Amino acid sequence: MTKLVLLHKADSIYDDEPDVVYDFPRNYLKAVKEAVGDWVIYYEPVKAGPRGYFAVAKIDRVLPKPGVDGRYLAMIEPGSFLPLDTEVPRLIDGSPLEQSLAEPDGTPKRGGAVQLAVRRIPDTDFERIVRLGLPADLEIQEAKRYDPRKSQIDEVSAVFERPVLERLTRRPYRDVAFRRKVRAAYGYRCAMSGLMLRNGGGRPEVQAAHIRPVEYKGSDSIRNGLALSGTLHWMFDRGLISVASDGETILVSRNKVPGAVVDRLLQPDGKILTPKDQNDWPHPANLAWHRENIFGQLESDGPAPWD
């Protein structure tokens, strides 16, 4: 197996959806097949946007693209995609993070591998980029973020750095990374109520909800997330509310949710707020999955918050 860098443009004309599939031509087939079962890191070229290295994922399998000769699809392992907490630039102090893109004196190469849409990356380079984008102490950073009293939190954990690949598969770590990205994308504001509430210590009350749950092969992409208050998160997970096919109208299970609750909790126009960056808007496929599999279909597992 081998690790890869995959170039991705948000406005790609190909069937790319980074947390689901990567579309590529035949000349990269050998390299991508070598990477099946291993990790890749996504990179946005400078001319396409400012993100640089922005996410990791694992390749599950490779398939010929139906109806298109000479193109293939790298299918992403469900649940493996994870955005970097901090996007990482290609150059640091003027030198590329990838050894293959640097001259012997550390300056950037021109042409060659720089122009490849798929390129192999050594484990050392991959791990260096991941450490910069997903630091080992991310959970501790988040715990201390709004509570300085936690500066002494778990000192043993603070000095113990888990191996990079173990970090990428730990659910508690991924939950923190997902929450940070989703809440930031929505400006720490609930997508359905429009409220931005903070507790006495300044901690945002808004939570990060998976649209398609992880246990049902949902990803940790921002596009599979909604920033919701605790009550609305509870309602969303139990199918009492959803989002219509237009991507903005809030659907309500009216036979289960009192009108007074709707009036109190939801925005007056009945539409969700979306992130400023359109690339972070909820993906239509994820919203459709929620409507078809969760909305109006689950029984409540206890009293509602308004009872």
C-alpha atoms as a PDB file:
ATOM      1  CA  MET A   1       0.000   0.000   0.000  1.00  0.00           C
ATOM      2  CA  THR A   2       1.009   3.595  -0.450  1.00  0.00           C
ATOM      3  CA  LYS A   3      -0.282   7.008   0.535  1.00  0.00           C
ATOM      4  CA  LEU A   4      -1.285   9.656  -1.990  1.00  0.00           C
ATOM      5  CA  VAL A   5      -1.956  13.340  -2.402  1.00  0.00           C
ATOM      6  CA  LEU A   6      -5.129  13.924  -4.439  1.00  0.00           C
ATOM      7  CA  LEU A   7      -5.675  17.315  -6.042  1.00  0.00           C
ATOM      8  CA  HIS A   8      -9.251  18.534  -5.697  1.00  0.00           C
ATOM      9  CA  LYS A   9     -10.970  21.682  -6.906  1.00  0.00           C
ATOM     10  CA  ALA A  10     -14.299  22.666  -5.376  1.00  0.00           C
ATOM     11  CA  ASP A  11     -15.601  23.523  -8.863  1.00  0.00           C
ATOM     12  CA  SER A  12     -14.298  20.327 -10.468  1.00  0.00           C
ATOM     13  CA  ILE A  13     -16.146  19.223 -13.612  1.00  0.00           C
ATOM     14  CA  TYR A  14     -15.644  15.609 -12.559  1.00  0.00           C
ATOM     15  CA  ASP A  15     -17.727  13.448 -10.234  1.00  0.00           C
ATOM     16  CA  ASP A  16     -15.658  14.268  -7.165  1.00  0.00           C
ATOM     17  CA  GLU A  17     -17.165  14.308  -3.694  1.00  0.00           C
ATOM     18  CA  PRO A  18     -14.169  14.077  -1.358  1.00  0.00           C
ATOM     19  CA  ASP A  19     -15.915  12.087   1.368  1.00  0.00           C
ATOM     20  CA  VAL A  20     -17.441   9.655  -1.141  1.00  0.00           C
ATOM     21  CA  VAL A  21     -15.585   9.346  -4.459  1.00  0.00           C
ATOM     22  CA  TYR A  22     -12.596  10.669  -6.420  1.00  0.00           C
ATOM     23  CA  ASP A  23     -12.732  10.698 -10.232  1.00  0.00           C
ATOM     24  CA  PHE A  24      -9.400  10.220 -12.050  1.00  0.00           C
ATOM     25  CA  PRO A  25      -7.973   9.224 -15.486  1.00  0.00           C
ATOM     26  CA  ARG A  26      -6.273   5.961 -16.451  1.00  0.00           C
ATOM     27  CA  ASN A  27      -2.719   7.316 -16.193  1.00  0.00           C
ATOM     28  CA  TYR A  28      -3.074   7.391 -12.391  1.00  0.00           C
ATOM     29  CA  LEU A  29      -4.668   3.944 -12.093  1.00  0.00           C
ATOM     30  CA  LYS A  30      -1.527   2.111 -10.928  1.00  0.00           C
ATOM     31  CA  ALA A  31      -0.831   4.599  -8.142  1.00  0.00           C
ATOM     32  CA  VAL A  32      -4.434   4.647  -6.920  1.00  0.00           C
ATOM     33  CA  LYS A  33      -4.658   0.844  -6.900  1.00  0.00           C
ATOM     34  CA  GLU A  34      -1.513   0.763  -4.766  1.00  0.00           C
ATOM     35  CA  ALA A  35      -3.270   3.049  -2.279  1.00  0.00           C
ATOM     36  CA  VAL A  36      -6.358   0.877  -1.749  1.00  0.00           C
ATOM     37  CA  GLY A  37      -6.701   0.360   1.993  1.00  0.00           C
ATOM     38  CA  ASP A  38      -4.374   3.252   2.782  1.00  0.00           C
ATOM     39  CA  TRP A  39      -4.789   6.966   3.456  1.00  0.00           C
ATOM     40  CA  VAL A  40      -4.801   9.927   1.102  1.00  0.00           C
ATOM     41  CA  ILE A  41      -4.642  13.643   1.737  1.00  0.00           C
ATOM     42  CA  TYR A  42      -6.611  16.145  -0.324  1.00  0.00           C
ATOM     43  CA  TYR A  43      -4.910  19.240  -1.692  1.00  0.00           C
ATOM     44  CA  GLU A  44      -6.479  22.311  -3.300  1.00  0.00           C
ATOM     45  CA  PRO A  45      -4.106  23.908  -5.838  1.00  0.00           C
ATOM     46  CA  VAL A  46      -3.197  27.550  -5.265  1.00  0.00           C
ATOM     47  CA  LYS A  47      -5.010  28.681  -8.424  1.00  0.00           C
ATOM     48  CA  ALA A  48      -8.218  26.932  -7.283  1.00  0.00           C
ATOM     49  CA  GLY A  49      -8.437  28.350  -3.773  1.00  0.00           C
ATOM     50  CA  PRO A  50      -6.688  29.040  -0.484  1.00  0.00           C
ATOM     51  CA  ARG A  51      -7.140  25.735   1.324  1.00  0.00           C
ATOM     52  CA  GLY A  52      -3.930  23.862   0.559  1.00  0.00           C
ATOM     53  CA  TYR A  53      -3.999  20.450   2.272  1.00  0.00           C
ATOM     54  CA  PHE A  54      -7.496  20.283   3.719  1.00  0.00           C
ATOM     55  CA  ALA A  55      -8.672  16.730   4.505  1.00  0.00           C
ATOM     56  CA  VAL A  56      -7.713  13.068   4.796  1.00  0.00           C
ATOM     57  CA  ALA A  57      -9.561   9.903   3.797  1.00  0.00           C
ATOM     58  CA  LYS A  58      -8.952   6.232   3.081  1.00  0.00           C
ATOM     59  CA  ILE A  59      -9.451   4.552  -0.313  1.00  0.00           C
ATOM     60  CA  ASP A  60     -11.747   1.543  -0.128  1.00  0.00           C
ATOM     61  CA  ARG A  61     -11.756   0.290  -3.728  1.00  0.00           C
ATOM     62  CA  VAL A  62     -11.324   1.363  -7.355  1.00  0.00           C
ATOM     63  CA  LEU A  63     -13.969   0.976 -10.057  1.00  0.00           C
ATOM     64  CA  PRO A  64     -14.178   1.827 -13.764  1.00  0.00           C
ATOM     65  CA  LYS A  65     -16.351   4.900 -14.226  1.00  0.00           C
ATOM     66  CA  PRO A  66     -19.634   3.708 -15.772  1.00  0.00           C
ATOM     67  CA  GLY A  67     -20.099   4.870 -19.344  1.00  0.00           C
ATOM     68  CA  VAL A  68     -16.808   6.773 -19.546  1.00  0.00           C
ATOM     69  CA  ASP A  69     -13.846   5.064 -21.168  1.00  0.00           C
ATOM     70  CA  GLY A  70     -10.486   5.738 -19.562  1.00  0.00           C
ATOM     71  CA  ARG A  71     -11.736   7.147 -16.257  1.00  0.00           C
ATOM     72  CA  TYR A  72     -11.985   5.496 -12.856  1.00  0.00           C
ATOM     73  CA  LEU A  73     -13.530   6.114  -9.460  1.00  0.00           C
ATOM     74  CA  ALA A  74     -11.681   5.763  -6.166  1.00  0.00           C
ATOM     75  CA  MET A  75     -14.389   4.986  -3.627  1.00  0.00           C
ATOM     76  CA  ILE A  76     -13.707   6.438  -0.190  1.00  0.00           C
ATOM     77  CA  GLU A  77     -14.091   4.154   2.825  1.00  0.00           C
ATOM     78  CA  PRO A  78     -17.276   5.231   4.635  1.00  0.00           C
ATOM     79  CA  GLY A  79     -16.499   7.148   7.797  1.00  0.00           C
ATOM     80  CA  SER A  80     -12.826   7.723   6.975  1.00  0.00           C
ATOM     81  CA  PHE A  81     -13.004  11.282   5.582  1.00  0.00           C
ATOM     82  CA  LEU A  82     -11.916  13.955   8.062  1.00  0.00           C
ATOM     83  CA  PRO A  83     -11.270  17.664   7.391  1.00  0.00           C
ATOM     84  CA  LEU A  84      -8.070  19.056   8.848  1.00  0.00           C
ATOM     85  CA  ASP A  85      -8.744  21.314  11.811  1.00  0.00           C
ATOM     86  CA  THR A  86      -6.251  23.786  10.344  1.00  0.00           C
ATOM     87  CA  GLU A  87      -5.697  23.808   6.605  1.00  0.00           C
ATOM     88  CA  VAL A  88      -2.009  23.411   5.774  1.00  0.00           C
ATOM     89  CA  PRO A  89      -0.205  25.419   3.054  1.00  0.00           C
ATOM     90  CA  ARG A  90       2.006  23.716   0.488  1.00  0.00           C
ATOM     91  CA  LEU A  91       5.013  25.784   1.546  1.00  0.00           C
ATOM     92  CA  ILE A  92       6.305  26.530   5.031  1.00  0.00           C
ATOM     93  CA  ASP A  93       9.194  28.981   5.285  1.00  0.00           C
ATOM     94  CA  GLY A  94       9.463  28.793   1.504  1.00  0.00           C
ATOM     95  CA  SER A  95       9.933  25.007   1.356  1.00  0.00           C
ATOM     96  CA  PRO A  96       7.411  22.358   0.205  1.00  0.00           C
ATOM     97  CA  LEU A  97       6.134  19.914   2.809  1.00  0.00           C
ATOM     98  CA  GLU A  98       6.387  17.144   0.201  1.00  0.00           C
ATOM     99  CA  GLN A  99       9.967  16.035  -0.419  1.00  0.00           C
ATOM    100  CA  SER A 100       9.212  15.205  -4.053  1.00  0.00           C
ATOM    101  CA  LEU A 101       8.296  18.848  -4.715  1.00  0.00           C
ATOM    102  CA  ALA A 102      11.541  20.306  -3.317  1.00  0.00           C
ATOM    103  CA  GLU A 103      14.933  20.903  -4.900  1.00  0.00           C
ATOM    104  CA  PRO A 104      18.011  19.726  -2.965  1.00  0.00           C
ATOM    105  CA  ASP A 105      18.312  23.215  -1.435  1.00  0.00           C
ATOM    106  CA  GLY A 106      14.689  23.106  -0.232  1.00  0.00           C
ATOM    107  CA  THR A 107      13.291  25.534  -2.788  1.00  0.00           C
ATOM    108  CA  PRO A 108      10.128  24.532  -4.702  1.00  0.00           C
ATOM    109  CA  LYS A 109      10.492  22.608  -7.936  1.00  0.00           C
ATOM    110  CA  ARG A 110       8.802  23.842 -11.080  1.00  0.00           C
ATOM    111  CA  GLY A 111       6.760  21.471 -13.224  1.00  0.00           C
ATOM    112  CA  GLY A 112       7.084  17.714 -12.913  1.00  0.00           C
ATOM    113  CA  ALA A 113       5.350  16.184  -9.895  1.00  0.00           C
ATOM    114  CA  VAL A 114       3.949  19.593  -8.930  1.00  0.00           C
ATOM    115  CA  GLN A 115       1.485  19.310 -11.812  1.00  0.00           C
ATOM    116  CA  LEU A 116       0.304  15.771 -11.048  1.00  0.00           C
ATOM    117  CA  ALA A 117      -3.299  15.398  -9.883  1.00  0.00           C
ATOM    118  CA  VAL A 118      -2.342  12.192  -8.063  1.00  0.00           C
ATOM    119  CA  ARG A 119       1.068  11.750  -6.499  1.00  0.00           C
ATOM    120  CA  ARG A 120       2.616   9.376  -4.000  1.00  0.00           C
ATOM    121  CA  ILE A 121       3.679  10.765  -0.640  1.00  0.00           C
ATOM    122  CA  PRO A 122       6.046   9.118   1.882  1.00  0.00           C
ATOM    123  CA  ASP A 123       4.662   8.250   5.301  1.00  0.00           C
ATOM    124  CA  THR A 124       6.935  10.838   6.921  1.00  0.00           C
ATOM    125  CA  ASP A 125       5.557  13.672   4.766  1.00  0.00           C
ATOM    126  CA  PHE A 126       1.976  12.495   5.247  1.00  0.00           C
ATOM    127  CA  GLU A 127       2.379  12.376   9.022  1.00  0.00           C
ATOM    128  CA  ARG A 128       4.027  15.787   9.108  1.00  0.00           C
ATOM    129  CA  ILE A 129       1.086  17.379   7.282  1.00  0.00           C
ATOM    130  CA  VAL A 130      -1.463  15.602   9.481  1.00  0.00           C
ATOM    131  CA  ARG A 131       0.335  16.725  12.651  1.00  0.00           C
ATOM    132  CA  LEU A 132       0.138  20.313  11.439  1.00  0.00           C
ATOM    133  CA  GLY A 133      -3.526  20.064  10.464  1.00  0.00           C
ATOM    134  CA  LEU A 134      -4.803  17.735  13.186  1.00  0.00           C
ATOM    135  CA  PRO A 135      -2.622  18.263  16.270  1.00  0.00           C
ATOM    136  CA  ALA A 136      -2.306  15.479  18.807  1.00  0.00           C
ATOM    137  CA  ASP A 137      -3.628  17.683  21.612  1.00  0.00           C
ATOM    138  CA  LEU A 138      -6.770  18.825  19.761  1.00  0.00           C
ATOM    139  CA  GLU A 139      -9.065  17.346  22.419  1.00  0.00           C
ATOM    140  CA  ILE A 140      -7.146  19.136  25.161  1.00  0.00           C
ATOM    141  CA  GLN A 141      -7.166  22.394  23.190  1.00  0.00           C
ATOM    142  CA  GLU A 142     -10.941  22.160  22.913  1.00  0.00           C
ATOM    143  CA  ALA A 143     -11.408  21.313  26.600  1.00  0.00           C
ATOM    144  CA  LYS A 144      -9.297  24.331  27.643  1.00  0.00           C
ATOM    145  CA  ARG A 145     -10.684  26.673  25.007  1.00  0.00           C
ATOM    146  CA  TYR A 146     -13.383  28.281  27.118  1.00  0.00           C
ATOM    147  CA  ASP A 147     -12.229  27.231  30.574  1.00  0.00           C
ATOM    148  CA  PRO A 148      -8.731  28.353  31.632  1.00  0.00           C
ATOM    149  CA  ARG A 149      -9.169  26.371  34.850  1.00  0.00           C
ATOM    150  CA  LYS A 150      -8.585  23.234  32.794  1.00  0.00           C
ATOM    151  CA  SER A 151      -5.012  24.242  31.994  1.00  0.00           C
ATOM    152  CA  GLN A 152      -3.792  21.299  34.043  1.00  0.00           C
ATOM    153  CA  ILE A 153      -6.161  18.815  32.385  1.00  0.00           C
ATOM    154  CA  ASP A 154      -4.825  15.320  32.066  1.00  0.00           C
ATOM    155  CA  GLU A 155      -1.139  16.171  32.010  1.00  0.00           C
ATOM    156  CA  VAL A 156      -0.250  12.592  31.148  1.00  0.00           C
ATOM    157  CA  SER A 157      -2.390  12.721  28.006  1.00  0.00           C
ATOM    158  CA  ALA A 158      -0.962  16.127  27.153  1.00  0.00           C
ATOM    159  CA  VAL A 159       2.534  14.723  26.730  1.00  0.00           C
ATOM    160  CA  PHE A 160       1.528  11.433  25.123  1.00  0.00           C
ATOM    161  CA  GLU A 161       1.112  11.702  21.367  1.00  0.00           C
ATOM    162  CA  ARG A 162      -0.829   8.859  19.821  1.00  0.00           C
ATOM    163  CA  PRO A 163       0.398   7.580  16.442  1.00  0.00           C
ATOM    164  CA  VAL A 164      -1.083   9.628  13.605  1.00  0.00           C
ATOM    165  CA  LEU A 165      -3.072   6.774  12.082  1.00  0.00           C
ATOM    166  CA  GLU A 166      -4.529   5.823  15.464  1.00  0.00           C
ATOM    167  CA  ARG A 167      -5.595   9.425  15.934  1.00  0.00           C
ATOM    168  CA  LEU A 168      -7.435   9.391  12.596  1.00  0.00           C
ATOM    169  CA  THR A 169      -9.557   6.412  13.621  1.00  0.00           C
ATOM    170  CA  ARG A 170     -10.376   7.337  17.245  1.00  0.00           C
ATOM    171  CA  ARG A 171     -14.033   8.307  17.476  1.00  0.00           C
ATOM    172  CA  PRO A 172     -13.594  10.741  20.417  1.00  0.00           C
ATOM    173  CA  TYR A 173     -10.876  12.607  18.511  1.00  0.00           C
ATOM    174  CA  ARG A 174     -12.928  12.689  15.311  1.00  0.00           C
ATOM    175  CA  ASP A 175     -15.982  13.955  17.213  1.00  0.00           C
ATOM    176  CA  VAL A 176     -14.000  16.914  18.530  1.00  0.00           C
ATOM    177  CA  ALA A 177     -12.567  17.674  15.075  1.00  0.00           C
ATOM    178  CA  PHE A 178     -16.030  17.449  13.464  1.00  0.00           C
ATOM    179  CA  ARG A 179     -17.609  19.656  16.118  1.00  0.00           C
ATOM    180  CA  ARG A 180     -14.970  22.354  15.757  1.00  0.00           C
ATOM    181  CA  LYS A 181     -15.310  22.528  11.967  1.00  0.00           C
ATOM    182  CA  VAL A 182     -19.118  22.480  11.850  1.00  0.00           C
ATOM    183  CA  ARG A 183     -19.652  25.041  14.593  1.00  0.00           C
ATOM    184  CA  ALA A 184     -17.081  27.383  13.053  1.00  0.00           C
ATOM    185  CA  ALA A 185     -18.649  27.011   9.583  1.00  0.00           C
ATOM    186  CA  TYR A 186     -22.006  28.169  10.971  1.00  0.00           C
ATOM    187  CA  GLY A 187     -20.485  30.980  13.008  1.00  0.00           C
ATOM    188  CA  TYR A 188     -21.473  29.214  16.264  1.00  0.00           C
ATOM    189  CA  ARG A 189     -25.090  29.933  15.401  1.00  0.00           C
ATOM    190  CA  CYS A 190     -27.909  27.358  15.351  1.00  0.00           C
ATOM    191  CA  ALA A 191     -28.890  26.684  11.728  1.00  0.00           C
ATOM    192  CA  MET A 192     -32.587  26.340  12.562  1.00  0.00           C
ATOM    193  CA  SER A 193     -33.208  28.882  15.324  1.00  0.00           C
ATOM    194  CA  GLY A 194     -30.651  31.440  14.225  1.00  0.00           C
ATOM    195  CA  LEU A 195     -29.564  31.914  17.832  1.00  0.00           C
ATOM    196  CA  MET A 196     -25.972  32.158  19.010  1.00  0.00           C
ATOM    197  CA  LEU A 197     -26.069  31.293  22.698  1.00  0.00           C
ATOM    198  CA  ARG A 198     -23.063  31.102  25.013  1.00  0.00           C
ATOM    199  CA  ASN A 199     -22.833  30.034  28.627  1.00  0.00           C
ATOM    200  CA  GLY A 200     -21.261  32.063  31.393  1.00  0.00           C
ATOM    201  CA  GLY A 201     -17.744  31.064  30.371  1.00  0.00           C
ATOM    202  CA  GLY A 202     -18.304  32.010  26.738  1.00  0.00           C
ATOM    203  CA  ARG A 203     -18.672  28.396  25.593  1.00  0.00           C
ATOM    204  CA  PRO A 204     -21.015  28.103  22.573  1.00  0.00           C
ATOM    205  CA  GLU A 205     -24.165  26.132  23.362  1.00  0.00           C
ATOM    206  CA  VAL A 206     -24.623  25.058  19.731  1.00  0.00           C
ATOM    207  CA  GLN A 207     -23.805  21.422  18.922  1.00  0.00           C
ATOM    208  CA  ALA A 208     -22.667  19.661  15.732  1.00  0.00           C
ATOM    209  CA  ALA A 209     -25.214  17.178  14.374  1.00  0.00           C
ATOM    210  CA  HIS A 210     -24.445  14.550  11.746  1.00  0.00           C
ATOM    211  CA  ILE A 211     -27.128  14.635   9.045  1.00  0.00           C
ATOM    212  CA  ARG A 212     -26.439  11.036   8.103  1.00  0.00           C
ATOM    213  CA  PRO A 213     -25.255   9.340  11.308  1.00  0.00           C
ATOM    214  CA  VAL A 214     -21.805   7.784  11.417  1.00  0.00           C
ATOM    215  CA  GLU A 215     -23.321   4.396  12.253  1.00  0.00           C
ATOM    216  CA  TYR A 216     -25.183   4.581   8.927  1.00  0.00           C
ATOM    217  CA  LYS A 217     -22.029   5.336   6.918  1.00  0.00           C
ATOM    218  CA  GLY A 218     -22.257   9.081   7.347  1.00  0.00           C
ATOM    219  CA  SER A 219     -19.028  11.043   7.063  1.00  0.00           C
ATOM    220  CA  ASP A 220     -17.372  13.711   9.186  1.00  0.00           C
ATOM    221  CA  SER A 221     -17.518  16.197   6.316  1.00  0.00           C
ATOM    222  CA  ILE A 222     -18.864  19.650   7.157  1.00  0.00           C
ATOM    223  CA  ARG A 223     -21.403  18.955   4.389  1.00  0.00           C
ATOM    224  CA  ASN A 224     -22.782  16.141   6.525  1.00  0.00           C
ATOM    225  CA  GLY A 225     -23.214  18.446   9.491  1.00  0.00           C
ATOM    226  CA  LEU A 226     -25.602  21.017  10.916  1.00  0.00           C
ATOM    227  CA  ALA A 227     -24.972  23.338  13.839  1.00  0.00           C
ATOM    228  CA  LEU A 228     -27.997  22.902  16.114  1.00  0.00           C
ATOM    229  CA  SER A 229     -29.027  23.808  19.645  1.00  0.00           C
ATOM    230  CA  GLY A 230     -29.357  20.897  22.069  1.00  0.00           C
ATOM    231  CA  THR A 231     -33.149  20.664  21.755  1.00  0.00           C
ATOM    232  CA  LEU A 232     -33.163  20.923  17.951  1.00  0.00           C
ATOM    233  CA  HIS A 233     -30.337  18.379  17.738  1.00  0.00           C
ATOM    234  CA  TRP A 234     -32.473  15.998  19.805  1.00  0.00           C
ATOM    235  CA  MET A 235     -35.448  16.606  17.498  1.00  0.00           C
ATOM    236  CA  PHE A 236     -33.372  16.197  14.322  1.00  0.00           C
ATOM    237  CA  ASP A 237     -31.868  12.888  15.442  1.00  0.00           C
ATOM    238  CA  ARG A 238     -35.362  11.566  16.237  1.00  0.00           C
ATOM    239  CA  GLY A 239     -36.898  12.563  12.923  1.00  0.00           C
ATOM    240  CA  LEU A 240     -39.144  15.305  14.275  1.00  0.00           C
ATOM    241  CA  ILE A 241     -37.552  17.871  11.967  1.00  0.00           C
ATOM    242  CA  SER A 242     -35.612  17.721   8.711  1.00  0.00           C
ATOM    243  CA  VAL A 243     -34.703  19.850   5.681  1.00  0.00           C
ATOM    244  CA  ALA A 244     -36.623  19.838   2.397  1.00  0.00           C
ATOM    245  CA  SER A 245     -35.209  19.081  -1.046  1.00  0.00           C
ATOM    246  CA  ASP A 246     -34.663  22.806  -1.687  1.00  0.00           C
ATOM    247  CA  GLY A 247     -31.890  22.631   0.922  1.00  0.00           C
ATOM    248  CA  GLU A 248     -33.333  25.362   3.131  1.00  0.00           C
ATOM    249  CA  THR A 249     -36.969  24.803   4.145  1.00  0.00           C
ATOM    250  CA  ILE A 250     -37.348  23.228   7.592  1.00  0.00           C
ATOM    251  CA  LEU A 251     -39.719  20.257   7.668  1.00  0.00           C
ATOM    252  CA  VAL A 252     -41.623  19.553  10.889  1.00  0.00           C
ATOM    253  CA  SER A 253     -43.507  16.433  11.950  1.00  0.00           C
ATOM    254  CA  ARG A 254     -46.591  18.468  12.854  1.00  0.00           C
ATOM    255  CA  ASN A 255     -48.472  15.563  14.402  1.00  0.00           C
ATOM    256  CA  LYS A 256     -45.688  15.153  16.978  1.00  0.00           C
ATOM    257  CA  VAL A 257     -44.415  18.684  17.537  1.00  0.00           C
ATOM    258  CA  PRO A 258     -46.810  21.287  19.007  1.00  0.00           C
ATOM    259  CA  GLY A 259     -47.209  24.475  17.003  1.00  0.00           C
ATOM    260  CA  ALA A 260     -46.160  26.564  19.987  1.00  0.00           C
ATOM    261  CA  VAL A 261     -42.852  24.678  20.100  1.00  0.00           C
ATOM    262  CA  VAL A 262     -42.288  25.318  16.396  1.00  0.00           C
ATOM    263  CA  ASP A 263     -42.981  29.019  16.832  1.00  0.00           C
ATOM    264  CA  ARG A 264     -40.620  29.242  19.792  1.00  0.00           C
ATOM    265  CA  LEU A 265     -37.688  27.235  18.424  1.00  0.00           C
ATOM    266  CA  LEU A 266     -37.501  27.802  14.669  1.00  0.00           C
ATOM    267  CA  GLN A 267     -36.694  30.858  12.601  1.00  0.00           C
ATOM    268  CA  PRO A 268     -39.820  32.819  11.596  1.00  0.00           C
ATOM    269  CA  ASP A 269     -39.194  32.253   7.870  1.00  0.00           C
ATOM    270  CA  GLY A 270     -38.931  28.479   8.401  1.00  0.00           C
ATOM    271  CA  LYS A 271     -35.571  28.235   6.627  1.00  0.00           C
ATOM    272  CA  ILE A 272     -32.140  27.141   7.789  1.00  0.00           C
ATOM    273  CA  LEU A 273     -29.090  29.356   7.947  1.00  0.00           C
ATOM    274  CA  THR A 274     -26.197  28.136   5.801  1.00  0.00           C
ATOM    275  CA  PRO A 275     -22.440  28.720   6.089  1.00  0.00           C
ATOM    276  CA  LYS A 276     -20.884  31.684   4.285  1.00  0.00           C
ATOM    277  CA  ASP A 277     -18.782  29.290   2.219  1.00  0.00           C
ATOM    278  CA  GLN A 278     -21.109  27.524  -0.209  1.00  0.00           C
ATOM    279  CA  ASN A 279     -18.702  24.579  -0.278  1.00  0.00           C
ATOM    280  CA  ASP A 280     -19.767  23.893   3.330  1.00  0.00           C
ATOM    281  CA  TRP A 281     -23.514  23.855   2.688  1.00  0.00           C
ATOM    282  CA  PRO A 282     -25.324  20.599   3.556  1.00  0.00           C
ATOM    283  CA  HIS A 283     -25.001  18.136   0.700  1.00  0.00           C
ATOM    284  CA  PRO A 284     -28.348  17.333  -0.988  1.00  0.00           C
ATOM    285  CA  ALA A 285     -27.622  13.592  -0.820  1.00  0.00           C
ATOM    286  CA  ASN A 286     -27.176  13.731   2.951  1.00  0.00           C
ATOM    287  CA  LEU A 287     -30.358  15.750   3.439  1.00  0.00           C
ATOM    288  CA  ALA A 288     -32.245  13.308   1.196  1.00  0.00           C
ATOM    289  CA  TRP A 289     -30.972  10.370   3.264  1.00  0.00           C
ATOM    290  CA  HIS A 290     -32.244  12.005   6.452  1.00  0.00           C
ATOM    291  CA  ARG A 291     -35.666  12.703   4.943  1.00  0.00           C
ATOM    292  CA  GLU A 292     -35.998   9.177   3.587  1.00  0.00           C
ATOM    293  CA  ASN A 293     -34.651   7.263   6.580  1.00  0.00           C
ATOM    294  CA  ILE A 294     -35.126   9.358   9.725  1.00  0.00           C
ATOM    295  CA  PHE A 295     -37.769  12.046   9.293  1.00  0.00           C
ATOM    296  CA  GLY A 296     -41.134  10.957  10.649  1.00  0.00           C
ATOM    297  CA  GLN A 297     -40.012   7.341  11.064  1.00  0.00           C
ATOM    298  CA  LEU A 298     -38.565   7.037  14.568  1.00  0.00           C
ATOM    299  CA  GLU A 299     -40.391   6.581  17.831  1.00  0.00           C
ATOM    300  CA  SER A 300     -39.407   8.862  20.701  1.00  0.00           C
ATOM    301  CA  ASP A 301     -37.228   7.129  23.309  1.00  0.00           C
ATOM    302  CA  GLY A 302     -38.464   9.280  26.169  1.00  0.00           C
ATOM    303  CA  PRO A 303     -40.278  12.491  27.059  1.00  0.00           C
ATOM    304  CA  ALA A 304     -39.747  15.444  24.744  1.00  0.00           C
ATOM    305  CA  PRO A 305     -37.749  18.407  26.098  1.00  0.00           C
ATOM    306  CA  TRP A 306     -40.883  20.560  26.035  1.00  0.00           C
ATOM    307  CA  ASP A 307     -43.026  18.099  28.056  1.00  0.00           C
END
